[in-house]
PDB file of N, CA and C in Angstrom:
ATOM      1  N   UNK A   1      48.747 -43.093 -85.830  1.00  0.00           N
ATOM      2  CA  UNK A   1      48.087 -41.969 -85.809  1.00  0.00           C
ATOM      3  C   UNK A   1      49.316 -40.956 -85.128  1.00  0.00           C
ATOM      4  N   UNK A   2      49.008 -39.760 -85.607  1.00  0.00           N
ATOM      5  CA  UNK A   2      49.715 -38.448 -85.434  1.00  0.00           C
ATOM      6  C   UNK A   2      49.136 -37.476 -84.094  1.00  0.00           C
ATOM      7  N   UNK A   3      48.967 -37.105 -83.284  1.00  0.00           N
ATOM      8  CA  UNK A   3      48.082 -36.103 -82.392  1.00  0.00           C
ATOM      9  C   UNK A   3      49.263 -35.112 -82.345  1.00  0.00           C
ATOM     10  N   UNK A   4      48.678 -33.587 -82.356  1.00  0.00           N
ATOM     11  CA  UNK A   4      50.041 -32.533 -82.296  1.00  0.00           C
ATOM     12  C   UNK A   4      49.183 -31.293 -81.708  1.00  0.00           C
ATOM     13  N   UNK A   5      49.120 -30.606 -80.338  1.00  0.00           N
ATOM     14  CA  UNK A   5      48.763 -29.887 -79.710  1.00  0.00           C
ATOM     15  C   UNK A   5      49.250 -28.572 -80.061  1.00  0.00           C
ATOM     16  N   UNK A   6      48.948 -27.940 -81.385  1.00  0.00           N
ATOM     17  CA  UNK A   6      49.827 -27.002 -81.071  1.00  0.00           C
ATOM     18  C   UNK A   6      49.929 -25.374 -80.532  1.00  0.00           C
ATOM     19  N   UNK A   7      48.388 -25.406 -80.303  1.00  0.00           N
ATOM     20  CA  UNK A   7      48.004 -24.511 -79.399  1.00  0.00           C
ATOM     21  C   UNK A   7      47.334 -24.726 -78.465  1.00  0.00           C
ATOM     22  N   UNK A   8      47.215 -24.300 -76.984  1.00  0.00           N
ATOM     23  CA  UNK A   8      46.278 -24.533 -76.463  1.00  0.00           C
ATOM     24  C   UNK A   8      46.253 -23.528 -74.888  1.00  0.00           C
ATOM     25  N   UNK A   9      45.093 -22.578 -74.827  1.00  0.00           N
ATOM     26  CA  UNK A   9      44.999 -21.121 -74.338  1.00  0.00           C
ATOM     27  C   UNK A   9      44.399 -20.390 -74.794  1.00  0.00           C
ATOM     28  N   UNK A  10      44.110 -19.331 -73.997  1.00  0.00           N
ATOM     29  CA  UNK A  10      43.278 -17.885 -74.443  1.00  0.00           C
ATOM     30  C   UNK A  10      44.056 -17.155 -75.397  1.00  0.00           C
ATOM     31  N   UNK A  11      44.885 -17.430 -75.987  1.00  0.00           N
ATOM     32  CA  UNK A  11      45.644 -16.674 -77.368  1.00  0.00           C
ATOM     33  C   UNK A  11      45.221 -17.971 -78.491  1.00  0.00           C
ATOM     34  N   UNK A  12      45.289 -19.039 -78.272  1.00  0.00           N
ATOM     35  CA  UNK A  12      44.645 -19.442 -79.712  1.00  0.00           C
ATOM     36  C   UNK A  12      44.707 -21.103 -79.315  1.00  0.00           C
ATOM     37  N   UNK A  13      43.638 -21.933 -79.826  1.00  0.00           N
ATOM     38  CA  UNK A  13      43.708 -23.153 -79.422  1.00  0.00           C
ATOM     39  C   UNK A  13      43.567 -23.970 -80.803  1.00  0.00           C
ATOM     40  N   UNK A  14      44.430 -25.104 -81.456  1.00  0.00           N
ATOM     41  CA  UNK A  14      44.534 -26.022 -81.944  1.00  0.00           C
ATOM     42  C   UNK A  14      45.250 -27.019 -82.160  1.00  0.00           C
ATOM     43  N   UNK A  15      44.486 -28.384 -82.740  1.00  0.00           N
ATOM     44  CA  UNK A  15      45.258 -29.398 -82.424  1.00  0.00           C
ATOM     45  C   UNK A  15      45.022 -30.023 -84.084  1.00  0.00           C
ATOM     46  N   UNK A  16      46.086 -30.914 -84.008  1.00  0.00           N
ATOM     47  CA  UNK A  16      45.943 -31.332 -85.382  1.00  0.00           C
ATOM     48  C   UNK A  16      46.299 -32.981 -84.969  1.00  0.00           C
ATOM     49  N   UNK A  17      45.167 -33.860 -85.775  1.00  0.00           N
ATOM     50  CA  UNK A  17      44.987 -34.971 -85.713  1.00  0.00           C
ATOM     51  C   UNK A  17      45.402 -35.886 -86.782  1.00  0.00           C
ATOM     52  N   UNK A  18      46.217 -36.646 -86.918  1.00  0.00           N
ATOM     53  CA  UNK A  18      46.271 -37.438 -88.754  1.00  0.00           C
ATOM     54  C   UNK A  18      46.112 -38.923 -88.618  1.00  0.00           C
ATOM     55  N   UNK A  19      45.223 -39.575 -89.282  1.00  0.00           N
ATOM     56  CA  UNK A  19      45.107 -41.205 -88.974  1.00  0.00           C
ATOM     57  C   UNK A  19      45.912 -41.527 -90.711  1.00  0.00           C
ATOM     58  N   UNK A  20      46.225 -42.739 -90.969  1.00  0.00           N
ATOM     59  CA  UNK A  20      46.514 -43.179 -92.071  1.00  0.00           C
ATOM     60  C   UNK A  20      45.696 -42.247 -93.263  1.00  0.00           C
ATOM     61  N   UNK A  21      44.624 -42.353 -93.379  1.00  0.00           N
ATOM     62  CA  UNK A  21      43.857 -41.593 -94.751  1.00  0.00           C
ATOM     63  C   UNK A  21      43.281 -40.460 -94.012  1.00  0.00           C
ATOM     64  N   UNK A  22      43.441 -39.639 -92.385  1.00  0.00           N
ATOM     65  CA  UNK A  22      42.357 -38.686 -92.674  1.00  0.00           C
ATOM     66  C   UNK A  22      43.318 -37.842 -92.334  1.00  0.00           C
ATOM     67  N   UNK A  23      43.291 -36.269 -92.370  1.00  0.00           N
ATOM     68  CA  UNK A  23      43.834 -35.433 -91.543  1.00  0.00           C
ATOM     69  C   UNK A  23      42.991 -34.414 -90.854  1.00  0.00           C
ATOM     70  N   UNK A  24      43.090 -33.787 -89.822  1.00  0.00           N
ATOM     71  CA  UNK A  24      42.077 -33.061 -89.156  1.00  0.00           C
ATOM     72  C   UNK A  24      42.499 -31.945 -88.532  1.00  0.00           C
ATOM     73  N   UNK A  25      41.725 -30.943 -88.265  1.00  0.00           N
ATOM     74  CA  UNK A  25      42.637 -29.776 -87.248  1.00  0.00           C
ATOM     75  C   UNK A  25      41.003 -29.458 -86.544  1.00  0.00           C
ATOM     76  N   UNK A  26      41.380 -29.695 -85.470  1.00  0.00           N
ATOM     77  CA  UNK A  26      40.318 -29.395 -84.033  1.00  0.00           C
ATOM     78  C   UNK A  26      40.859 -27.874 -83.504  1.00  0.00           C
ATOM     79  N   UNK A  27      39.825 -27.076 -83.989  1.00  0.00           N
ATOM     80  CA  UNK A  27      39.670 -25.845 -83.528  1.00  0.00           C
ATOM     81  C   UNK A  27      40.585 -25.105 -84.397  1.00  0.00           C
ATOM     82  N   UNK A  28      40.240 -23.841 -84.740  1.00  0.00           N
ATOM     83  CA  UNK A  28      41.139 -22.798 -85.640  1.00  0.00           C
ATOM     84  C   UNK A  28      41.401 -21.487 -85.047  1.00  0.00           C
ATOM     85  N   UNK A  29      42.279 -21.534 -84.105  1.00  0.00           N
ATOM     86  CA  UNK A  29      42.623 -20.456 -82.888  1.00  0.00           C
ATOM     87  C   UNK A  29      44.297 -20.142 -83.225  1.00  0.00           C
ATOM     88  N   UNK A  30      44.828 -20.431 -84.451  1.00  0.00           N
ATOM     89  CA  UNK A  30      45.904 -19.821 -85.023  1.00  0.00           C
ATOM     90  C   UNK A  30      46.131 -19.499 -86.170  1.00  0.00           C
ATOM     91  N   UNK A  31      46.901 -18.588 -86.729  1.00  0.00           N
ATOM     92  CA  UNK A  31      46.954 -17.747 -88.108  1.00  0.00           C
ATOM     93  C   UNK A  31      47.734 -18.630 -88.666  1.00  0.00           C
ATOM     94  N   UNK A  32      47.533 -18.894 -89.909  1.00  0.00           N
ATOM     95  CA  UNK A  32      48.242 -19.486 -90.770  1.00  0.00           C
ATOM     96  C   UNK A  32      49.759 -19.588 -90.789  1.00  0.00           C
ATOM     97  N   UNK A  33      50.590 -18.206 -90.204  1.00  0.00           N
ATOM     98  CA  UNK A  33      51.791 -18.252 -90.226  1.00  0.00           C
ATOM     99  C   UNK A  33      52.210 -19.117 -88.976  1.00  0.00           C
ATOM    100  N   UNK A  34      51.249 -19.160 -87.925  1.00  0.00           N
ATOM    101  CA  UNK A  34      51.662 -19.626 -86.516  1.00  0.00           C
ATOM    102  C   UNK A  34      51.624 -21.027 -86.874  1.00  0.00           C
ATOM    103  N   UNK A  35      50.929 -21.350 -87.800  1.00  0.00           N
ATOM    104  CA  UNK A  35      51.106 -22.850 -87.959  1.00  0.00           C
ATOM    105  C   UNK A  35      51.978 -23.305 -88.611  1.00  0.00           C
ATOM    106  N   UNK A  36      52.451 -22.643 -89.797  1.00  0.00           N
ATOM    107  CA  UNK A  36      53.480 -22.835 -90.382  1.00  0.00           C
ATOM    108  C   UNK A  36      54.897 -22.611 -89.457  1.00  0.00           C
ATOM    109  N   UNK A  37      54.966 -21.982 -88.040  1.00  0.00           N
ATOM    110  CA  UNK A  37      55.928 -21.727 -87.745  1.00  0.00           C
ATOM    111  C   UNK A  37      56.116 -23.119 -87.224  1.00  0.00           C
ATOM    112  N   UNK A  38      55.019 -23.272 -86.390  1.00  0.00           N
ATOM    113  CA  UNK A  38      54.774 -24.292 -85.028  1.00  0.00           C
ATOM    114  C   UNK A  38      54.514 -25.845 -85.729  1.00  0.00           C
ATOM    115  N   UNK A  39      54.644 -26.043 -86.927  1.00  0.00           N
ATOM    116  CA  UNK A  39      54.265 -27.662 -87.719  1.00  0.00           C
ATOM    117  C   UNK A  39      55.090 -27.767 -89.035  1.00  0.00           C
ATOM    118  N   UNK A  40      54.690 -28.772 -89.400  1.00  0.00           N
ATOM    119  CA  UNK A  40      55.070 -29.181 -90.962  1.00  0.00           C
ATOM    120  C   UNK A  40      53.791 -29.334 -91.369  1.00  0.00           C
ATOM    121  N   UNK A  41      52.694 -28.987 -91.245  1.00  0.00           N
ATOM    122  CA  UNK A  41      51.425 -29.686 -91.778  1.00  0.00           C
ATOM    123  C   UNK A  41      51.478 -29.012 -93.176  1.00  0.00           C
ATOM    124  N   UNK A  42      51.283 -29.855 -94.089  1.00  0.00           N
ATOM    125  CA  UNK A  42      50.447 -29.678 -95.568  1.00  0.00           C
ATOM    126  C   UNK A  42      49.073 -29.147 -95.166  1.00  0.00           C
ATOM    127  N   UNK A  43      48.567 -28.233 -95.021  1.00  0.00           N
ATOM    128  CA  UNK A  43      47.386 -27.351 -95.293  1.00  0.00           C
ATOM    129  C   UNK A  43      46.779 -28.358 -96.166  1.00  0.00           C
ATOM    130  N   UNK A  44      46.667 -28.063 -97.397  1.00  0.00           N
ATOM    131  CA  UNK A  44      46.482 -28.172 -98.214  1.00  0.00           C
ATOM    132  C   UNK A  44      45.991 -29.647 -98.474  1.00  0.00           C
ATOM    133  N   UNK A  45      46.306 -30.457 -97.542  1.00  0.00           N
ATOM    134  CA  UNK A  45      45.939 -31.951 -97.490  1.00  0.00           C
ATOM    135  C   UNK A  45      44.851 -31.948 -96.259  1.00  0.00           C
ATOM    136  N   UNK A  46      44.458 -30.845 -95.521  1.00  0.00           N
ATOM    137  CA  UNK A  46      43.446 -31.520 -94.677  1.00  0.00           C
ATOM    138  C   UNK A  46      42.059 -31.889 -95.236  1.00  0.00           C
ATOM    139  N   UNK A  47      41.686 -32.417 -94.739  1.00  0.00           N
ATOM    140  CA  UNK A  47      39.900 -33.019 -94.613  1.00  0.00           C
ATOM    141  C   UNK A  47      39.014 -32.050 -94.394  1.00  0.00           C
ATOM    142  N   UNK A  48      39.430 -32.040 -93.010  1.00  0.00           N
ATOM    143  CA  UNK A  48      38.357 -31.574 -91.883  1.00  0.00           C
ATOM    144  C   UNK A  48      38.722 -30.684 -90.646  1.00  0.00           C
ATOM    145  N   UNK A  49      37.972 -29.829 -90.562  1.00  0.00           N
ATOM    146  CA  UNK A  49      38.105 -28.615 -89.598  1.00  0.00           C
ATOM    147  C   UNK A  49      37.045 -28.689 -88.266  1.00  0.00           C
ATOM    148  N   UNK A  50      37.279 -29.215 -87.460  1.00  0.00           N
ATOM    149  CA  UNK A  50      36.298 -29.224 -86.564  1.00  0.00           C
ATOM    150  C   UNK A  50      36.195 -28.029 -85.267  1.00  0.00           C
ATOM    151  N   UNK A  51      35.129 -27.444 -85.314  1.00  0.00           N
ATOM    152  CA  UNK A  51      34.792 -26.498 -84.276  1.00  0.00           C
ATOM    153  C   UNK A  51      34.416 -26.644 -83.001  1.00  0.00           C
ATOM    154  N   UNK A  52      35.306 -26.970 -81.857  1.00  0.00           N
ATOM    155  CA  UNK A  52      34.027 -27.322 -80.681  1.00  0.00           C
ATOM    156  C   UNK A  52      33.296 -26.648 -79.811  1.00  0.00           C
ATOM    157  N   UNK A  53      33.617 -25.049 -80.176  1.00  0.00           N
ATOM    158  CA  UNK A  53      32.879 -24.004 -79.678  1.00  0.00           C
ATOM    159  C   UNK A  53      33.104 -22.670 -80.535  1.00  0.00           C
ATOM    160  N   UNK A  54      32.378 -21.444 -79.979  1.00  0.00           N
ATOM    161  CA  UNK A  54      32.267 -20.189 -80.865  1.00  0.00           C
ATOM    162  C   UNK A  54      33.276 -19.143 -80.214  1.00  0.00           C
ATOM    163  N   UNK A  55      34.037 -19.533 -79.294  1.00  0.00           N
ATOM    164  CA  UNK A  55      34.682 -18.765 -78.233  1.00  0.00           C
ATOM    165  C   UNK A  55      36.177 -18.095 -79.434  1.00  0.00           C
ATOM    166  N   UNK A  56      36.422 -16.942 -79.273  1.00  0.00           N
ATOM    167  CA  UNK A  56      37.363 -16.520 -80.057  1.00  0.00           C
ATOM    168  C   UNK A  56      38.672 -17.270 -80.678  1.00  0.00           C
ATOM    169  N   UNK A  57      39.162 -17.622 -79.278  1.00  0.00           N
ATOM    170  CA  UNK A  57      40.325 -18.282 -79.145  1.00  0.00           C
ATOM    171  C   UNK A  57      40.225 -19.848 -80.225  1.00  0.00           C
ATOM    172  N   UNK A  58      38.904 -20.547 -80.382  1.00  0.00           N
ATOM    173  CA  UNK A  58      39.163 -21.105 -81.115  1.00  0.00           C
ATOM    174  C   UNK A  58      38.550 -21.242 -82.576  1.00  0.00           C
ATOM    175  N   UNK A  59      38.590 -20.007 -83.009  1.00  0.00           N
ATOM    176  CA  UNK A  59      37.649 -19.875 -84.268  1.00  0.00           C
ATOM    177  C   UNK A  59      38.066 -18.586 -84.736  1.00  0.00           C
ATOM    178  N   UNK A  60      39.076 -17.503 -84.759  1.00  0.00           N
ATOM    179  CA  UNK A  60      39.957 -16.697 -84.773  1.00  0.00           C
ATOM    180  C   UNK A  60      40.137 -16.768 -85.937  1.00  0.00           C
ATOM    181  N   UNK A  61      40.594 -17.465 -86.767  1.00  0.00           N
ATOM    182  CA  UNK A  61      41.744 -18.128 -87.871  1.00  0.00           C
ATOM    183  C   UNK A  61      40.739 -18.923 -88.871  1.00  0.00           C
ATOM    184  N   UNK A  62      39.611 -18.835 -88.644  1.00  0.00           N
ATOM    185  CA  UNK A  62      38.832 -19.946 -89.139  1.00  0.00           C
ATOM    186  C   UNK A  62      38.545 -19.723 -90.859  1.00  0.00           C
ATOM    187  N   UNK A  63      38.321 -18.643 -91.408  1.00  0.00           N
ATOM    188  CA  UNK A  63      38.142 -18.174 -92.408  1.00  0.00           C
ATOM    189  C   UNK A  63      39.044 -18.577 -93.230  1.00  0.00           C
ATOM    190  N   UNK A  64      40.862 -17.876 -93.249  1.00  0.00           N
ATOM    191  CA  UNK A  64      41.778 -18.191 -93.862  1.00  0.00           C
ATOM    192  C   UNK A  64      42.061 -19.529 -93.649  1.00  0.00           C
ATOM    193  N   UNK A  65      41.837 -20.470 -93.144  1.00  0.00           N
ATOM    194  CA  UNK A  65      42.271 -21.437 -92.677  1.00  0.00           C
ATOM    195  C   UNK A  65      41.389 -22.668 -93.637  1.00  0.00           C
ATOM    196  N   UNK A  66      39.855 -21.947 -93.795  1.00  0.00           N
ATOM    197  CA  UNK A  66      39.174 -23.129 -94.782  1.00  0.00           C
ATOM    198  C   UNK A  66      39.519 -22.691 -96.113  1.00  0.00           C
ATOM    199  N   UNK A  67      39.790 -21.499 -96.497  1.00  0.00           N
ATOM    200  CA  UNK A  67      40.560 -20.991 -97.740  1.00  0.00           C
ATOM    201  C   UNK A  67      41.820 -21.915 -98.245  1.00  0.00           C
ATOM    202  N   UNK A  68      42.576 -21.985 -97.116  1.00  0.00           N
ATOM    203  CA  UNK A  68      43.299 -22.804 -97.199  1.00  0.00           C
ATOM    204  C   UNK A  68      43.500 -24.502 -97.683  1.00  0.00           C
ATOM    205  N   UNK A  69      42.744 -24.723 -96.752  1.00  0.00           N
ATOM    206  CA  UNK A  69      42.856 -26.295 -96.848  1.00  0.00           C
ATOM    207  C   UNK A  69      41.481 -26.856 -97.686  1.00  0.00           C
ATOM    208  N   UNK A  70      40.468 -26.048 -98.100  1.00  0.00           N
ATOM    209  CA  UNK A  70      39.511 -26.765 -98.865  1.00  0.00           C
ATOM    210  C   UNK A  70      38.206 -28.127 -98.055  1.00  0.00           C
ATOM    211  N   UNK A  71      38.743 -27.638 -96.924  1.00  0.00           N
ATOM    212  CA  UNK A  71      38.753 -28.934 -95.752  1.00  0.00           C
ATOM    213  C   UNK A  71      36.758 -28.933 -95.845  1.00  0.00           C
ATOM    214  N   UNK A  72      35.910 -29.687 -95.217  1.00  0.00           N
ATOM    215  CA  UNK A  72      34.804 -29.682 -94.958  1.00  0.00           C
ATOM    216  C   UNK A  72      34.769 -29.393 -93.389  1.00  0.00           C
ATOM    217  N   UNK A  73      33.969 -28.400 -92.682  1.00  0.00           N
ATOM    218  CA  UNK A  73      33.847 -27.757 -91.543  1.00  0.00           C
ATOM    219  C   UNK A  73      32.693 -28.503 -91.290  1.00  0.00           C
ATOM    220  N   UNK A  74      33.121 -29.313 -89.764  1.00  0.00           N
ATOM    221  CA  UNK A  74      32.327 -30.011 -88.574  1.00  0.00           C
ATOM    222  C   UNK A  74      31.984 -29.190 -87.561  1.00  0.00           C
ATOM    223  N   UNK A  75      30.836 -28.811 -87.159  1.00  0.00           N
ATOM    224  CA  UNK A  75      30.791 -28.074 -86.076  1.00  0.00           C
ATOM    225  C   UNK A  75      29.056 -28.197 -86.242  1.00  0.00           C
ATOM    226  N   UNK A  76      28.453 -27.659 -84.650  1.00  0.00           N
ATOM    227  CA  UNK A  76      27.055 -27.680 -84.478  1.00  0.00           C
ATOM    228  C   UNK A  76      26.248 -26.484 -84.631  1.00  0.00           C
ATOM    229  N   UNK A  77      25.310 -26.424 -85.563  1.00  0.00           N
ATOM    230  CA  UNK A  77      24.576 -25.781 -86.003  1.00  0.00           C
ATOM    231  C   UNK A  77      24.983 -24.163 -85.546  1.00  0.00           C
ATOM    232  N   UNK A  78      24.522 -23.934 -83.916  1.00  0.00           N
ATOM    233  CA  UNK A  78      24.560 -23.205 -83.467  1.00  0.00           C
ATOM    234  C   UNK A  78      25.614 -22.521 -83.478  1.00  0.00           C
ATOM    235  N   UNK A  79      26.777 -22.764 -83.789  1.00  0.00           N
ATOM    236  CA  UNK A  79      27.710 -22.433 -83.409  1.00  0.00           C
ATOM    237  C   UNK A  79      28.380 -22.144 -84.923  1.00  0.00           C
ATOM    238  N   UNK A  80      27.976 -22.415 -85.962  1.00  0.00           N
ATOM    239  CA  UNK A  80      27.933 -21.790 -87.476  1.00  0.00           C
ATOM    240  C   UNK A  80      27.023 -20.641 -87.362  1.00  0.00           C
ATOM    241  N   UNK A  81      25.925 -20.714 -86.758  1.00  0.00           N
ATOM    242  CA  UNK A  81      24.989 -19.480 -86.833  1.00  0.00           C
ATOM    243  C   UNK A  81      25.140 -18.407 -86.235  1.00  0.00           C
ATOM    244  N   UNK A  82      26.201 -18.748 -84.747  1.00  0.00           N
ATOM    245  CA  UNK A  82      26.781 -17.598 -84.146  1.00  0.00           C
ATOM    246  C   UNK A  82      27.977 -17.132 -84.861  1.00  0.00           C
ATOM    247  N   UNK A  83      28.706 -17.471 -85.692  1.00  0.00           N
ATOM    248  CA  UNK A  83      29.912 -17.351 -86.435  1.00  0.00           C
ATOM    249  C   UNK A  83      29.174 -16.314 -87.306  1.00  0.00           C
ATOM    250  N   UNK A  84      28.194 -16.846 -88.287  1.00  0.00           N
ATOM    251  CA  UNK A  84      27.370 -15.765 -89.330  1.00  0.00           C
ATOM    252  C   UNK A  84      26.965 -14.535 -88.880  1.00  0.00           C
ATOM    253  N   UNK A  85      26.133 -14.702 -87.696  1.00  0.00           N
ATOM    254  CA  UNK A  85      25.643 -13.556 -87.271  1.00  0.00           C
ATOM    255  C   UNK A  85      26.350 -12.272 -86.600  1.00  0.00           C
ATOM    256  N   UNK A  86      27.089 -12.928 -85.887  1.00  0.00           N
ATOM    257  CA  UNK A  86      28.188 -12.451 -84.582  1.00  0.00           C
ATOM    258  C   UNK A  86      29.190 -11.552 -85.436  1.00  0.00           C
ATOM    259  N   UNK A  87      29.452 -12.654 -85.829  1.00  0.00           N
ATOM    260  CA  UNK A  87      30.945 -11.763 -86.513  1.00  0.00           C
ATOM    261  C   UNK A  87      30.782 -11.725 -87.984  1.00  0.00           C
ATOM    262  N   UNK A  88      30.157 -12.140 -88.471  1.00  0.00           N
ATOM    263  CA  UNK A  88      29.677 -12.374 -90.042  1.00  0.00           C
ATOM    264  C   UNK A  88      30.520 -13.082 -91.262  1.00  0.00           C
ATOM    265  N   UNK A  89      30.787 -14.164 -90.372  1.00  0.00           N
ATOM    266  CA  UNK A  89      31.676 -14.992 -91.244  1.00  0.00           C
ATOM    267  C   UNK A  89      30.436 -15.116 -92.390  1.00  0.00           C
ATOM    268  N   UNK A  90      31.306 -15.285 -93.874  1.00  0.00           N
ATOM    269  CA  UNK A  90      30.515 -15.699 -94.876  1.00  0.00           C
ATOM    270  C   UNK A  90      31.264 -17.136 -95.432  1.00  0.00           C
ATOM    271  N   UNK A  91      30.437 -18.439 -95.333  1.00  0.00           N
ATOM    272  CA  UNK A  91      30.534 -19.588 -95.425  1.00  0.00           C
ATOM    273  C   UNK A  91      30.141 -20.078 -96.797  1.00  0.00           C
ATOM    274  N   UNK A  92      29.536 -19.397 -97.969  1.00  0.00           N
ATOM    275  CA  UNK A  92      29.179 -19.369 -98.904  1.00  0.00           C
ATOM    276  C   UNK A  92      30.353 -20.033 -99.797  1.00  0.00           C
ATOM    277  N   UNK A  93      30.190 -21.152-100.380  1.00  0.00           N
ATOM    278  CA  UNK A  93      31.110 -21.573-101.251  1.00  0.00           C
ATOM    279  C   UNK A  93      31.903 -23.128-100.259  1.00  0.00           C
ATOM    280  N   UNK A  94      31.791 -22.884 -98.704  1.00  0.00           N
ATOM    281  CA  UNK A  94      32.502 -24.009 -98.252  1.00  0.00           C
ATOM    282  C   UNK A  94      31.906 -25.076 -97.969  1.00  0.00           C
ATOM    283  N   UNK A  95      32.109 -26.275 -97.900  1.00  0.00           N
ATOM    284  CA  UNK A  95      31.242 -27.614 -97.241  1.00  0.00           C
ATOM    285  C   UNK A  95      31.164 -27.397 -95.936  1.00  0.00           C
ATOM    286  N   UNK A  96      29.878 -27.668 -95.407  1.00  0.00           N
ATOM    287  CA  UNK A  96      29.667 -27.365 -94.017  1.00  0.00           C
ATOM    288  C   UNK A  96      29.097 -28.896 -93.383  1.00  0.00           C
ATOM    289  N   UNK A  97      29.163 -29.932 -92.309  1.00  0.00           N
ATOM    290  CA  UNK A  97      28.649 -30.832 -91.933  1.00  0.00           C
ATOM    291  C   UNK A  97      28.174 -30.277 -90.710  1.00  0.00           C
ATOM    292  N   UNK A  98      26.836 -30.259 -90.386  1.00  0.00           N
ATOM    293  CA  UNK A  98      26.332 -29.769 -88.966  1.00  0.00           C
ATOM    294  C   UNK A  98      26.565 -31.359 -87.910  1.00  0.00           C
ATOM    295  N   UNK A  99      27.037 -30.783 -86.698  1.00  0.00           N
ATOM    296  CA  UNK A  99      27.015 -31.765 -86.117  1.00  0.00           C
ATOM    297  C   UNK A  99      25.727 -31.901 -85.044  1.00  0.00           C
ATOM    298  N   UNK A 100      25.215 -33.169 -84.330  1.00  0.00           N
ATOM    299  CA  UNK A 100      24.426 -33.193 -83.631  1.00  0.00           C
ATOM    300  C   UNK A 100      24.749 -33.395 -81.968  1.00  0.00           C
ATOM    301  N   UNK A 101      24.187 -33.111 -81.212  1.00  0.00           N
ATOM    302  CA  UNK A 101      24.695 -33.467 -79.712  1.00  0.00           C
ATOM    303  C   UNK A 101      24.309 -35.058 -79.641  1.00  0.00           C
ATOM    304  N   UNK A 102      25.245 -35.817 -78.789  1.00  0.00           N
ATOM    305  CA  UNK A 102      25.272 -37.125 -78.593  1.00  0.00           C
ATOM    306  C   UNK A 102      24.582 -38.101 -79.963  1.00  0.00           C
ATOM    307  N   UNK A 103      25.905 -37.696 -80.892  1.00  0.00           N
ATOM    308  CA  UNK A 103      25.710 -38.216 -82.163  1.00  0.00           C
ATOM    309  C   UNK A 103      26.893 -38.820 -82.553  1.00  0.00           C
ATOM    310  N   UNK A 104      27.508 -39.883 -83.122  1.00  0.00           N
ATOM    311  CA  UNK A 104      28.767 -40.525 -83.560  1.00  0.00           C
ATOM    312  C   UNK A 104      28.959 -40.323 -84.677  1.00  0.00           C
ATOM    313  N   UNK A 105      29.970 -39.571 -85.219  1.00  0.00           N
ATOM    314  CA  UNK A 105      30.326 -39.401 -86.675  1.00  0.00           C
ATOM    315  C   UNK A 105      31.545 -40.139 -86.972  1.00  0.00           C
ATOM    316  N   UNK A 106      31.898 -40.138 -88.245  1.00  0.00           N
ATOM    317  CA  UNK A 106      32.778 -41.184 -89.274  1.00  0.00           C
ATOM    318  C   UNK A 106      33.463 -39.812 -90.013  1.00  0.00           C
ATOM    319  N   UNK A 107      34.736 -39.669 -90.014  1.00  0.00           N
ATOM    320  CA  UNK A 107      35.376 -38.671 -90.783  1.00  0.00           C
ATOM    321  C   UNK A 107      36.529 -39.281 -91.229  1.00  0.00           C
ATOM    322  N   UNK A 108      36.545 -39.781 -92.679  1.00  0.00           N
ATOM    323  CA  UNK A 108      37.283 -39.959 -93.587  1.00  0.00           C
ATOM    324  C   UNK A 108      37.151 -41.862 -93.544  1.00  0.00           C
TER     325      UNK A 108
END
């Protein structure tokens, strides 16, 4: 298992989690360039992106990351709806798995 905090703070949040068969990005607050500068992660191999909440430091680079990874996006419906309505994010063509409160999920 590999666990790497790429950034934590008001300027951007992102964590990389890797198991034997699954690669996950937790939050999307870093640009693709920043990810490349801070890690050797092969973004094309990412299976899932999880968003914890809709603050800009967790979501600012979500769309480029989705396009680069082709990963499934996991988040609560309210986060996705907020991003659609308030930030005008267009999720057409992307795979989304809505998460419910107090429920367990298996990824990979």
